[in-house]
Amino acid sequence: MLEKENKWNKTNQWEYEIEQLHAIIRKTPLIETTKWGGPVYTYKNKNVLGIGGFKSYFGIWFYNGVFLKDEKKLLINANEENTKSLRQMRFNSANEIDEKLILAYIKEAIEIEEKGVAIPKEKKETIIPEILQNELDKNSELKNKFNAFSPYKQREFIEHITSAKQEKTQLVRLEKIILMILEEKGLNDKYR
């Protein structure tokens, strides 16, 4: 069988260890999928955990790990500034893999999914810059088509304008996006 490339295994030095983690996880009701180029295990279509190897460690990350009791203090937040709920369990060798302990953490993670516990997503307030708002107020077709875009795509347009430092650059960008909005094309659609 041809092995799928795992983009999360940055060094390919943890092949044996990661297979051990897969074998443990396969003893649970989690379903293995591939998301973002790597293995992710789900429960009732909810992401529960992922596994991968990096330069100095391999590990399991729990998508709602912040809610795990973590009595053994094994979980870390890899990015304090941006990561709200994801927690990692890191290993440096196969000797550190404790099947019973990992299964206990996975069981608790599944229970968290069963309860539907999650950090609510923050609603981002979209602030339309004055130069764009003036154009939207003048042209109802433009306003309707802009409002038809998802909030994400609206923010892309706004950020494109506001990221320009000089007013003349903002005006040039405004003219560009007005045409795109009228043609119902998102700013980055050509890359999707």
N, C-alpha and C. Protein backbone atom coordinates (compact mmCIF):
# COMPACT_ATOMS: atom_id res chain seq x y z
N MET A 1 0.84 -1.19 0.00
CA MET A 1 0.00 0.00 0.00
C MET A 1 0.88 1.24 0.00
N LEU A 2 0.58 2.19 -0.85
CA LEU A 2 1.34 3.43 -0.94
C LEU A 2 1.00 4.32 0.24
N GLU A 3 2.00 4.73 1.00
CA GLU A 3 1.80 5.55 2.18
C GLU A 3 1.50 6.99 1.78
N LYS A 4 0.47 7.57 2.39
CA LYS A 4 0.14 8.97 2.12
C LYS A 4 1.20 9.87 2.72
N GLU A 5 1.54 10.95 2.00
CA GLU A 5 2.51 11.91 2.53
C GLU A 5 1.87 12.66 3.69
N ASN A 6 2.61 12.78 4.77
CA ASN A 6 2.14 13.51 5.94
C ASN A 6 2.92 14.81 6.05
N LYS A 7 2.26 15.92 5.72
CA LYS A 7 2.93 17.22 5.74
C LYS A 7 3.28 17.66 7.15
N TRP A 8 2.68 17.01 8.17
CA TRP A 8 2.99 17.39 9.55
C TRP A 8 4.22 16.67 10.06
N ASN A 9 4.69 15.66 9.34
CA ASN A 9 5.89 14.96 9.75
C ASN A 9 7.06 15.64 9.05
N LYS A 10 7.55 16.71 9.66
CA LYS A 10 8.51 17.60 9.01
C LYS A 10 9.85 16.93 8.70
N THR A 11 10.26 15.97 9.49
CA THR A 11 11.59 15.40 9.33
C THR A 11 11.60 13.94 8.93
N ASN A 12 10.46 13.28 9.01
CA ASN A 12 10.33 11.84 8.74
C ASN A 12 11.20 10.99 9.65
N GLN A 13 11.66 11.56 10.77
CA GLN A 13 12.49 10.79 11.70
C GLN A 13 11.67 10.04 12.74
N TRP A 14 10.36 10.25 12.78
CA TRP A 14 9.51 9.68 13.81
C TRP A 14 8.54 8.63 13.25
N GLU A 15 8.87 8.01 12.14
CA GLU A 15 7.94 7.10 11.48
C GLU A 15 7.45 5.99 12.41
N TYR A 16 8.35 5.32 13.09
CA TYR A 16 8.00 4.22 13.99
C TYR A 16 7.15 4.73 15.15
N GLU A 17 7.56 5.84 15.75
CA GLU A 17 6.86 6.39 16.92
C GLU A 17 5.44 6.85 16.55
N ILE A 18 5.31 7.49 15.41
CA ILE A 18 3.99 7.96 14.98
C ILE A 18 3.09 6.77 14.66
N GLU A 19 3.64 5.72 14.12
CA GLU A 19 2.84 4.52 13.88
C GLU A 19 2.35 3.93 15.19
N GLN A 20 3.18 4.01 16.24
CA GLN A 20 2.75 3.55 17.57
C GLN A 20 1.54 4.37 18.04
N LEU A 21 1.58 5.70 17.84
CA LEU A 21 0.45 6.55 18.24
C LEU A 21 -0.81 6.18 17.44
N HIS A 22 -0.63 5.96 16.13
CA HIS A 22 -1.78 5.54 15.31
C HIS A 22 -2.39 4.25 15.86
N ALA A 23 -1.55 3.29 16.21
CA ALA A 23 -2.03 2.00 16.71
C ALA A 23 -2.84 2.18 17.99
N ILE A 24 -2.39 3.07 18.86
CA ILE A 24 -3.12 3.34 20.11
C ILE A 24 -4.47 3.99 19.80
N ILE A 25 -4.44 5.00 18.94
CA ILE A 25 -5.66 5.76 18.64
C ILE A 25 -6.69 4.88 17.93
N ARG A 26 -6.22 3.91 17.14
CA ARG A 26 -7.14 3.01 16.43
C ARG A 26 -7.93 2.12 17.38
N LYS A 27 -7.56 2.08 18.64
CA LYS A 27 -8.29 1.30 19.65
C LYS A 27 -9.48 2.10 20.20
N THR A 28 -9.68 3.30 19.70
CA THR A 28 -10.76 4.18 20.17
C THR A 28 -11.82 4.29 19.07
N PRO A 29 -12.97 4.91 19.38
CA PRO A 29 -14.00 5.09 18.34
C PRO A 29 -13.71 6.26 17.38
N LEU A 30 -12.54 6.87 17.47
CA LEU A 30 -12.22 7.99 16.59
C LEU A 30 -12.04 7.52 15.16
N ILE A 31 -12.40 8.40 14.22
CA ILE A 31 -12.28 8.11 12.79
C ILE A 31 -11.10 8.89 12.24
N GLU A 32 -10.19 8.19 11.55
CA GLU A 32 -9.01 8.86 10.97
C GLU A 32 -9.38 9.53 9.66
N THR A 33 -8.99 10.79 9.53
CA THR A 33 -9.17 11.55 8.30
C THR A 33 -7.86 12.27 8.01
N THR A 34 -7.81 12.90 6.86
CA THR A 34 -6.66 13.75 6.54
C THR A 34 -7.17 15.16 6.35
N LYS A 35 -6.63 16.07 7.14
CA LYS A 35 -6.99 17.48 7.05
C LYS A 35 -5.71 18.30 7.13
N TRP A 36 -5.64 19.33 6.33
CA TRP A 36 -4.48 20.22 6.32
C TRP A 36 -3.19 19.43 6.08
N GLY A 37 -3.30 18.36 5.32
CA GLY A 37 -2.13 17.58 4.95
C GLY A 37 -1.64 16.59 5.99
N GLY A 38 -2.40 16.35 7.04
CA GLY A 38 -1.95 15.42 8.07
C GLY A 38 -3.11 14.66 8.69
N PRO A 39 -2.79 13.65 9.52
CA PRO A 39 -3.84 12.84 10.13
C PRO A 39 -4.56 13.58 11.25
N VAL A 40 -5.87 13.59 11.16
CA VAL A 40 -6.73 14.17 12.19
C VAL A 40 -7.77 13.11 12.52
N TYR A 41 -8.02 12.92 13.79
CA TYR A 41 -9.02 11.95 14.24
C TYR A 41 -10.26 12.70 14.71
N THR A 42 -11.41 12.24 14.25
CA THR A 42 -12.67 12.92 14.55
C THR A 42 -13.62 12.00 15.31
N TYR A 43 -14.59 12.66 15.96
CA TYR A 43 -15.67 11.95 16.63
C TYR A 43 -16.95 12.69 16.28
N LYS A 44 -17.87 12.00 15.62
CA LYS A 44 -19.11 12.62 15.14
C LYS A 44 -18.81 13.89 14.35
N ASN A 45 -17.85 13.78 13.45
CA ASN A 45 -17.42 14.86 12.55
C ASN A 45 -16.80 16.07 13.25
N LYS A 46 -16.39 15.91 14.49
CA LYS A 46 -15.71 16.98 15.23
C LYS A 46 -14.24 16.59 15.37
N ASN A 47 -13.34 17.53 15.11
CA ASN A 47 -11.91 17.26 15.27
C ASN A 47 -11.61 17.05 16.75
N VAL A 48 -11.00 15.91 17.06
CA VAL A 48 -10.64 15.61 18.45
C VAL A 48 -9.14 15.72 18.64
N LEU A 49 -8.36 15.10 17.73
CA LEU A 49 -6.91 15.17 17.88
C LEU A 49 -6.21 14.97 16.55
N GLY A 50 -4.97 15.39 16.52
CA GLY A 50 -4.10 15.20 15.36
C GLY A 50 -2.76 14.71 15.87
N ILE A 51 -1.97 14.12 14.97
CA ILE A 51 -0.62 13.68 15.36
C ILE A 51 0.36 14.09 14.27
N GLY A 52 1.62 14.27 14.68
CA GLY A 52 2.65 14.63 13.72
C GLY A 52 4.01 14.66 14.35
N GLY A 53 5.03 14.72 13.50
CA GLY A 53 6.41 14.78 13.96
C GLY A 53 7.07 16.08 13.53
N PHE A 54 7.90 16.59 14.40
CA PHE A 54 8.61 17.83 14.13
C PHE A 54 10.10 17.60 14.36
N LYS A 55 10.89 18.64 14.26
CA LYS A 55 12.33 18.48 14.35
C LYS A 55 12.76 17.85 15.67
N SER A 56 12.29 18.39 16.78
CA SER A 56 12.78 17.93 18.07
C SER A 56 11.78 17.09 18.87
N TYR A 57 10.61 16.85 18.33
CA TYR A 57 9.61 16.05 19.04
C TYR A 57 8.55 15.55 18.07
N PHE A 58 7.74 14.62 18.55
CA PHE A 58 6.52 14.19 17.86
C PHE A 58 5.42 14.26 18.89
N GLY A 59 4.17 14.27 18.44
CA GLY A 59 3.15 14.40 19.45
C GLY A 59 1.73 14.29 18.97
N ILE A 60 0.85 14.48 19.95
CA ILE A 60 -0.60 14.48 19.74
C ILE A 60 -1.07 15.86 20.15
N TRP A 61 -1.95 16.44 19.37
CA TRP A 61 -2.59 17.68 19.83
C TRP A 61 -4.08 17.46 19.92
N PHE A 62 -4.63 17.96 21.00
CA PHE A 62 -6.05 17.85 21.27
C PHE A 62 -6.70 19.18 20.94
N TYR A 63 -7.68 19.15 20.05
CA TYR A 63 -8.31 20.39 19.59
C TYR A 63 -9.04 21.14 20.70
N ASN A 64 -9.63 20.42 21.64
CA ASN A 64 -10.26 21.06 22.80
C ASN A 64 -9.50 20.70 24.07
N GLY A 65 -8.19 20.64 23.94
CA GLY A 65 -7.31 20.25 25.05
C GLY A 65 -7.39 21.14 26.27
N VAL A 66 -7.79 22.39 26.08
CA VAL A 66 -7.89 23.32 27.20
C VAL A 66 -8.88 22.80 28.25
N PHE A 67 -9.84 21.97 27.84
CA PHE A 67 -10.86 21.46 28.75
C PHE A 67 -10.46 20.14 29.43
N LEU A 68 -9.34 19.56 29.01
CA LEU A 68 -8.89 18.31 29.64
C LEU A 68 -8.35 18.61 31.05
N LYS A 69 -8.58 17.69 31.99
CA LYS A 69 -8.11 17.91 33.37
C LYS A 69 -6.59 17.99 33.43
N ASP A 70 -5.91 17.18 32.64
CA ASP A 70 -4.44 17.16 32.56
C ASP A 70 -3.79 17.03 33.93
N GLU A 71 -4.23 16.05 34.69
CA GLU A 71 -3.70 15.85 36.04
C GLU A 71 -2.20 15.54 36.03
N LYS A 72 -1.69 14.98 34.96
CA LYS A 72 -0.25 14.65 34.87
C LYS A 72 0.58 15.83 34.33
N LYS A 73 -0.09 16.92 34.01
CA LYS A 73 0.57 18.15 33.50
C LYS A 73 1.44 17.84 32.27
N LEU A 74 0.85 17.14 31.32
CA LEU A 74 1.56 16.76 30.10
C LEU A 74 1.26 17.69 28.92
N LEU A 75 0.20 18.46 29.01
CA LEU A 75 -0.24 19.26 27.86
C LEU A 75 0.35 20.66 27.91
N ILE A 76 0.74 21.14 26.72
CA ILE A 76 1.27 22.50 26.63
C ILE A 76 0.51 23.28 25.56
N ASN A 77 0.50 24.58 25.74
CA ASN A 77 -0.03 25.49 24.73
C ASN A 77 1.18 25.97 23.92
N ALA A 78 1.26 25.57 22.67
CA ALA A 78 2.43 25.86 21.85
C ALA A 78 2.50 27.33 21.41
N ASN A 79 1.38 28.04 21.49
CA ASN A 79 1.38 29.43 21.04
C ASN A 79 0.40 30.22 21.91
N GLU A 80 0.89 30.70 23.03
CA GLU A 80 0.04 31.37 24.04
C GLU A 80 -0.76 32.54 23.46
N GLU A 81 -0.17 33.27 22.53
CA GLU A 81 -0.84 34.47 22.01
C GLU A 81 -2.03 34.15 21.13
N ASN A 82 -1.97 33.06 20.39
CA ASN A 82 -3.00 32.78 19.39
C ASN A 82 -3.86 31.55 19.67
N THR A 83 -3.34 30.62 20.44
CA THR A 83 -4.04 29.36 20.63
C THR A 83 -4.91 29.41 21.88
N LYS A 84 -6.20 29.21 21.67
CA LYS A 84 -7.13 29.27 22.80
C LYS A 84 -7.44 27.89 23.35
N SER A 85 -7.72 26.91 22.50
CA SER A 85 -8.16 25.61 23.03
C SER A 85 -7.23 24.45 22.71
N LEU A 86 -6.39 24.55 21.71
CA LEU A 86 -5.51 23.44 21.31
C LEU A 86 -4.40 23.23 22.35
N ARG A 87 -4.16 21.96 22.71
CA ARG A 87 -3.06 21.62 23.62
C ARG A 87 -2.31 20.42 23.06
N GLN A 88 -0.98 20.43 23.23
CA GLN A 88 -0.13 19.37 22.70
C GLN A 88 0.41 18.48 23.81
N MET A 89 0.55 17.21 23.46
CA MET A 89 1.24 16.23 24.30
C MET A 89 2.47 15.84 23.48
N ARG A 90 3.65 16.23 23.95
CA ARG A 90 4.88 16.01 23.18
C ARG A 90 5.68 14.84 23.72
N PHE A 91 6.39 14.18 22.78
CA PHE A 91 7.25 13.06 23.12
C PHE A 91 8.59 13.24 22.42
N ASN A 92 9.66 12.75 23.08
CA ASN A 92 11.00 12.80 22.49
C ASN A 92 11.52 11.43 22.11
N SER A 93 10.83 10.38 22.55
CA SER A 93 11.23 9.02 22.18
C SER A 93 10.05 8.07 22.36
N ALA A 94 10.17 6.91 21.77
CA ALA A 94 9.12 5.89 21.87
C ALA A 94 8.95 5.43 23.32
N ASN A 95 10.01 5.53 24.12
CA ASN A 95 9.95 5.10 25.52
C ASN A 95 8.96 5.94 26.34
N GLU A 96 8.67 7.16 25.88
CA GLU A 96 7.77 8.05 26.61
C GLU A 96 6.29 7.75 26.33
N ILE A 97 6.02 6.91 25.34
CA ILE A 97 4.64 6.60 24.97
C ILE A 97 4.04 5.66 26.01
N ASP A 98 3.01 6.13 26.70
CA ASP A 98 2.31 5.35 27.71
C ASP A 98 0.88 5.14 27.20
N GLU A 99 0.64 3.96 26.64
CA GLU A 99 -0.64 3.68 25.99
C GLU A 99 -1.83 3.92 26.92
N LYS A 100 -1.76 3.41 28.14
CA LYS A 100 -2.87 3.54 29.07
C LYS A 100 -3.17 5.02 29.34
N LEU A 101 -2.14 5.81 29.53
CA LEU A 101 -2.30 7.24 29.82
C LEU A 101 -2.87 7.98 28.60
N ILE A 102 -2.35 7.68 27.42
CA ILE A 102 -2.85 8.32 26.19
C ILE A 102 -4.32 7.97 25.98
N LEU A 103 -4.68 6.70 26.18
CA LEU A 103 -6.08 6.30 26.03
C LEU A 103 -6.99 7.02 27.02
N ALA A 104 -6.49 7.28 28.23
CA ALA A 104 -7.28 8.01 29.22
C ALA A 104 -7.53 9.45 28.76
N TYR A 105 -6.50 10.09 28.21
CA TYR A 105 -6.65 11.46 27.70
C TYR A 105 -7.62 11.47 26.52
N ILE A 106 -7.51 10.48 25.64
CA ILE A 106 -8.40 10.41 24.47
C ILE A 106 -9.84 10.18 24.93
N LYS A 107 -10.04 9.30 25.89
CA LYS A 107 -11.39 9.04 26.41
C LYS A 107 -12.00 10.33 26.95
N GLU A 108 -11.21 11.09 27.71
CA GLU A 108 -11.72 12.36 28.24
C GLU A 108 -12.01 13.35 27.11
N ALA A 109 -11.17 13.37 26.08
CA ALA A 109 -11.39 14.28 24.93
C ALA A 109 -12.69 13.92 24.21
N ILE A 110 -12.98 12.64 24.09
CA ILE A 110 -14.24 12.20 23.47
C ILE A 110 -15.42 12.64 24.33
N GLU A 111 -15.30 12.50 25.65
CA GLU A 111 -16.37 12.93 26.56
C GLU A 111 -16.64 14.43 26.41
N ILE A 112 -15.59 15.20 26.23
CA ILE A 112 -15.73 16.65 26.03
C ILE A 112 -16.52 16.92 24.75
N GLU A 113 -16.22 16.16 23.69
CA GLU A 113 -16.97 16.32 22.43
C GLU A 113 -18.43 15.90 22.61
N GLU A 114 -18.65 14.84 23.37
CA GLU A 114 -20.02 14.39 23.64
C GLU A 114 -20.85 15.49 24.31
N LYS A 115 -20.20 16.22 25.23
CA LYS A 115 -20.89 17.30 25.95
C LYS A 115 -21.02 18.56 25.11
N GLY A 116 -20.27 18.64 24.01
CA GLY A 116 -20.33 19.82 23.15
C GLY A 116 -19.62 21.03 23.74
N VAL A 117 -18.67 20.79 24.62
CA VAL A 117 -17.93 21.89 25.24
C VAL A 117 -16.94 22.46 24.23
N ALA A 118 -16.96 23.78 24.08
CA ALA A 118 -16.02 24.45 23.16
C ALA A 118 -15.94 25.92 23.53
N ILE A 119 -14.84 26.53 23.18
CA ILE A 119 -14.70 27.98 23.35
C ILE A 119 -15.49 28.63 22.23
N PRO A 120 -16.42 29.54 22.57
CA PRO A 120 -17.19 30.18 21.50
C PRO A 120 -16.29 31.01 20.60
N LYS A 121 -16.60 30.97 19.30
CA LYS A 121 -15.83 31.76 18.34
C LYS A 121 -16.16 33.23 18.53
N GLU A 122 -15.11 34.03 18.49
CA GLU A 122 -15.30 35.48 18.64
C GLU A 122 -15.82 36.06 17.33
N LYS A 123 -16.81 36.88 17.46
CA LYS A 123 -17.31 37.60 16.28
C LYS A 123 -16.39 38.79 16.05
N LYS A 124 -15.86 38.86 14.85
CA LYS A 124 -15.01 40.00 14.51
C LYS A 124 -15.88 41.11 13.96
N GLU A 125 -15.75 42.27 14.57
CA GLU A 125 -16.51 43.42 14.09
C GLU A 125 -15.83 43.97 12.85
N THR A 126 -16.61 44.15 11.81
CA THR A 126 -16.07 44.68 10.56
C THR A 126 -16.27 46.20 10.54
N ILE A 127 -15.15 46.91 10.54
CA ILE A 127 -15.20 48.38 10.49
C ILE A 127 -14.83 48.80 9.07
N ILE A 128 -15.77 49.38 8.38
CA ILE A 128 -15.57 49.79 7.00
C ILE A 128 -14.88 51.16 6.99
N PRO A 129 -13.75 51.28 6.28
CA PRO A 129 -13.07 52.58 6.24
C PRO A 129 -13.92 53.63 5.52
N GLU A 130 -13.73 54.87 5.91
CA GLU A 130 -14.55 55.96 5.40
C GLU A 130 -14.54 56.05 3.88
N ILE A 131 -13.37 55.85 3.25
CA ILE A 131 -13.34 56.00 1.78
C ILE A 131 -14.17 54.93 1.08
N LEU A 132 -14.22 53.73 1.64
CA LEU A 132 -15.07 52.69 1.07
C LEU A 132 -16.53 52.95 1.40
N GLN A 133 -16.82 53.35 2.63
CA GLN A 133 -18.19 53.62 3.04
C GLN A 133 -18.82 54.71 2.18
N ASN A 134 -18.04 55.74 1.84
CA ASN A 134 -18.54 56.81 0.97
C ASN A 134 -18.97 56.26 -0.38
N GLU A 135 -18.18 55.35 -0.94
CA GLU A 135 -18.51 54.74 -2.24
C GLU A 135 -19.75 53.86 -2.12
N LEU A 136 -19.85 53.12 -1.03
CA LEU A 136 -21.02 52.26 -0.83
C LEU A 136 -22.29 53.09 -0.68
N ASP A 137 -22.17 54.23 0.00
CA ASP A 137 -23.33 55.11 0.19
C ASP A 137 -23.79 55.74 -1.13
N LYS A 138 -22.83 55.98 -2.03
CA LYS A 138 -23.15 56.62 -3.32
C LYS A 138 -23.74 55.64 -4.34
N ASN A 139 -23.42 54.35 -4.20
CA ASN A 139 -23.76 53.39 -5.24
C ASN A 139 -24.46 52.18 -4.62
N SER A 140 -25.78 52.10 -4.78
CA SER A 140 -26.55 51.02 -4.14
C SER A 140 -26.19 49.65 -4.72
N GLU A 141 -25.88 49.58 -6.02
CA GLU A 141 -25.49 48.29 -6.61
C GLU A 141 -24.20 47.80 -5.96
N LEU A 142 -23.24 48.71 -5.79
CA LEU A 142 -21.97 48.37 -5.15
C LEU A 142 -22.21 47.90 -3.72
N LYS A 143 -23.06 48.62 -3.00
CA LYS A 143 -23.36 48.28 -1.61
C LYS A 143 -24.01 46.90 -1.51
N ASN A 144 -24.98 46.61 -2.37
CA ASN A 144 -25.66 45.31 -2.35
C ASN A 144 -24.70 44.18 -2.66
N LYS A 145 -23.83 44.38 -3.65
CA LYS A 145 -22.88 43.33 -4.03
C LYS A 145 -21.82 43.14 -2.94
N PHE A 146 -21.39 44.25 -2.31
CA PHE A 146 -20.42 44.14 -1.20
C PHE A 146 -21.05 43.36 -0.05
N ASN A 147 -22.30 43.68 0.28
CA ASN A 147 -22.99 43.00 1.38
C ASN A 147 -23.28 41.53 1.08
N ALA A 148 -23.28 41.16 -0.19
CA ALA A 148 -23.50 39.76 -0.57
C ALA A 148 -22.27 38.88 -0.29
N PHE A 149 -21.11 39.51 -0.16
CA PHE A 149 -19.88 38.75 0.16
C PHE A 149 -19.92 38.31 1.62
N SER A 150 -19.23 37.22 1.90
CA SER A 150 -19.12 36.75 3.29
C SER A 150 -18.33 37.79 4.09
N PRO A 151 -18.53 37.82 5.41
CA PRO A 151 -17.75 38.75 6.23
C PRO A 151 -16.24 38.59 6.05
N TYR A 152 -15.80 37.35 5.84
CA TYR A 152 -14.38 37.10 5.61
C TYR A 152 -13.88 37.84 4.36
N LYS A 153 -14.64 37.72 3.26
CA LYS A 153 -14.23 38.38 2.02
C LYS A 153 -14.36 39.89 2.13
N GLN A 154 -15.36 40.36 2.87
CA GLN A 154 -15.48 41.80 3.10
C GLN A 154 -14.24 42.32 3.83
N ARG A 155 -13.79 41.56 4.85
CA ARG A 155 -12.58 41.97 5.60
C ARG A 155 -11.34 41.96 4.71
N GLU A 156 -11.29 41.02 3.75
CA GLU A 156 -10.14 41.02 2.83
C GLU A 156 -10.10 42.33 2.03
N PHE A 157 -11.24 42.75 1.52
CA PHE A 157 -11.30 44.02 0.78
C PHE A 157 -10.86 45.18 1.68
N ILE A 158 -11.41 45.22 2.87
CA ILE A 158 -11.12 46.31 3.80
C ILE A 158 -9.65 46.34 4.17
N GLU A 159 -9.09 45.18 4.47
CA GLU A 159 -7.68 45.11 4.84
C GLU A 159 -6.79 45.53 3.68
N HIS A 160 -7.19 45.20 2.47
CA HIS A 160 -6.41 45.58 1.29
C HIS A 160 -6.32 47.10 1.18
N ILE A 161 -7.40 47.77 1.49
CA ILE A 161 -7.40 49.24 1.44
C ILE A 161 -6.61 49.82 2.62
N THR A 162 -6.95 49.37 3.82
CA THR A 162 -6.37 49.98 5.02
C THR A 162 -4.90 49.63 5.24
N SER A 163 -4.39 48.60 4.60
CA SER A 163 -2.98 48.25 4.78
C SER A 163 -2.06 49.17 3.99
N ALA A 164 -2.62 49.96 3.07
CA ALA A 164 -1.81 50.94 2.33
C ALA A 164 -1.56 52.14 3.24
N LYS A 165 -0.30 52.59 3.28
CA LYS A 165 0.05 53.70 4.15
C LYS A 165 -0.34 55.06 3.56
N GLN A 166 -0.15 55.19 2.26
CA GLN A 166 -0.43 56.48 1.63
C GLN A 166 -1.86 56.53 1.09
N GLU A 167 -2.43 57.72 1.18
CA GLU A 167 -3.82 57.91 0.73
C GLU A 167 -3.96 57.60 -0.76
N LYS A 168 -2.97 58.00 -1.57
CA LYS A 168 -3.09 57.76 -3.02
C LYS A 168 -3.09 56.26 -3.31
N THR A 169 -2.33 55.48 -2.53
CA THR A 169 -2.34 54.03 -2.72
C THR A 169 -3.69 53.45 -2.30
N GLN A 170 -4.25 53.98 -1.22
CA GLN A 170 -5.57 53.53 -0.78
C GLN A 170 -6.61 53.80 -1.88
N LEU A 171 -6.51 54.96 -2.53
CA LEU A 171 -7.46 55.30 -3.59
C LEU A 171 -7.31 54.38 -4.80
N VAL A 172 -6.07 54.06 -5.15
CA VAL A 172 -5.82 53.13 -6.27
C VAL A 172 -6.41 51.76 -5.94
N ARG A 173 -6.18 51.31 -4.71
CA ARG A 173 -6.72 50.01 -4.29
C ARG A 173 -8.24 50.04 -4.24
N LEU A 174 -8.81 51.15 -3.82
CA LEU A 174 -10.26 51.30 -3.77
C LEU A 174 -10.85 51.12 -5.17
N GLU A 175 -10.25 51.79 -6.15
CA GLU A 175 -10.75 51.68 -7.53
C GLU A 175 -10.68 50.23 -8.02
N LYS A 176 -9.60 49.53 -7.66
CA LYS A 176 -9.43 48.13 -8.07
C LYS A 176 -10.54 47.26 -7.46
N ILE A 177 -10.79 47.44 -6.16
CA ILE A 177 -11.76 46.56 -5.52
C ILE A 177 -13.20 46.91 -5.90
N ILE A 178 -13.46 48.17 -6.24
CA ILE A 178 -14.81 48.53 -6.69
C ILE A 178 -15.17 47.70 -7.92
N LEU A 179 -14.22 47.61 -8.87
CA LEU A 179 -14.46 46.82 -10.08
C LEU A 179 -14.67 45.34 -9.73
N MET A 180 -13.86 44.84 -8.81
CA MET A 180 -13.99 43.43 -8.42
C MET A 180 -15.33 43.16 -7.75
N ILE A 181 -15.75 44.07 -6.88
CA ILE A 181 -17.03 43.90 -6.18
C ILE A 181 -18.18 43.89 -7.20
N LEU A 182 -18.13 44.84 -8.14
CA LEU A 182 -19.19 44.91 -9.15
C LEU A 182 -19.22 43.65 -10.02
N GLU A 183 -18.04 43.04 -10.23
CA GLU A 183 -17.96 41.80 -11.00
C GLU A 183 -18.21 40.57 -10.11
N GLU A 184 -18.48 40.82 -8.82
CA GLU A 184 -18.73 39.76 -7.83
C GLU A 184 -17.56 38.80 -7.69
N LYS A 185 -16.35 39.37 -7.75
CA LYS A 185 -15.11 38.59 -7.58
C LYS A 185 -14.47 38.96 -6.26
N GLY A 186 -14.14 37.98 -5.46
CA GLY A 186 -13.43 38.22 -4.20
C GLY A 186 -11.99 38.62 -4.47
N LEU A 187 -11.39 39.30 -3.53
CA LEU A 187 -10.02 39.81 -3.70
C LEU A 187 -9.04 38.70 -4.01
N ASN A 188 -9.16 37.56 -3.34
CA ASN A 188 -8.20 36.47 -3.52
C ASN A 188 -8.81 35.23 -4.18
N ASP A 189 -9.92 35.41 -4.88
CA ASP A 189 -10.58 34.26 -5.54
C ASP A 189 -9.67 33.54 -6.51
N LYS A 190 -8.81 34.28 -7.19
CA LYS A 190 -7.95 33.63 -8.20
C LYS A 190 -6.95 32.67 -7.56
N TYR A 191 -6.72 32.80 -6.25
CA TYR A 191 -5.79 31.90 -5.56
C TYR A 191 -6.50 30.71 -4.94
N ARG A 192 -7.82 30.70 -4.94
CA ARG A 192 -8.56 29.62 -4.28
C ARG A 192 -8.88 28.52 -5.26
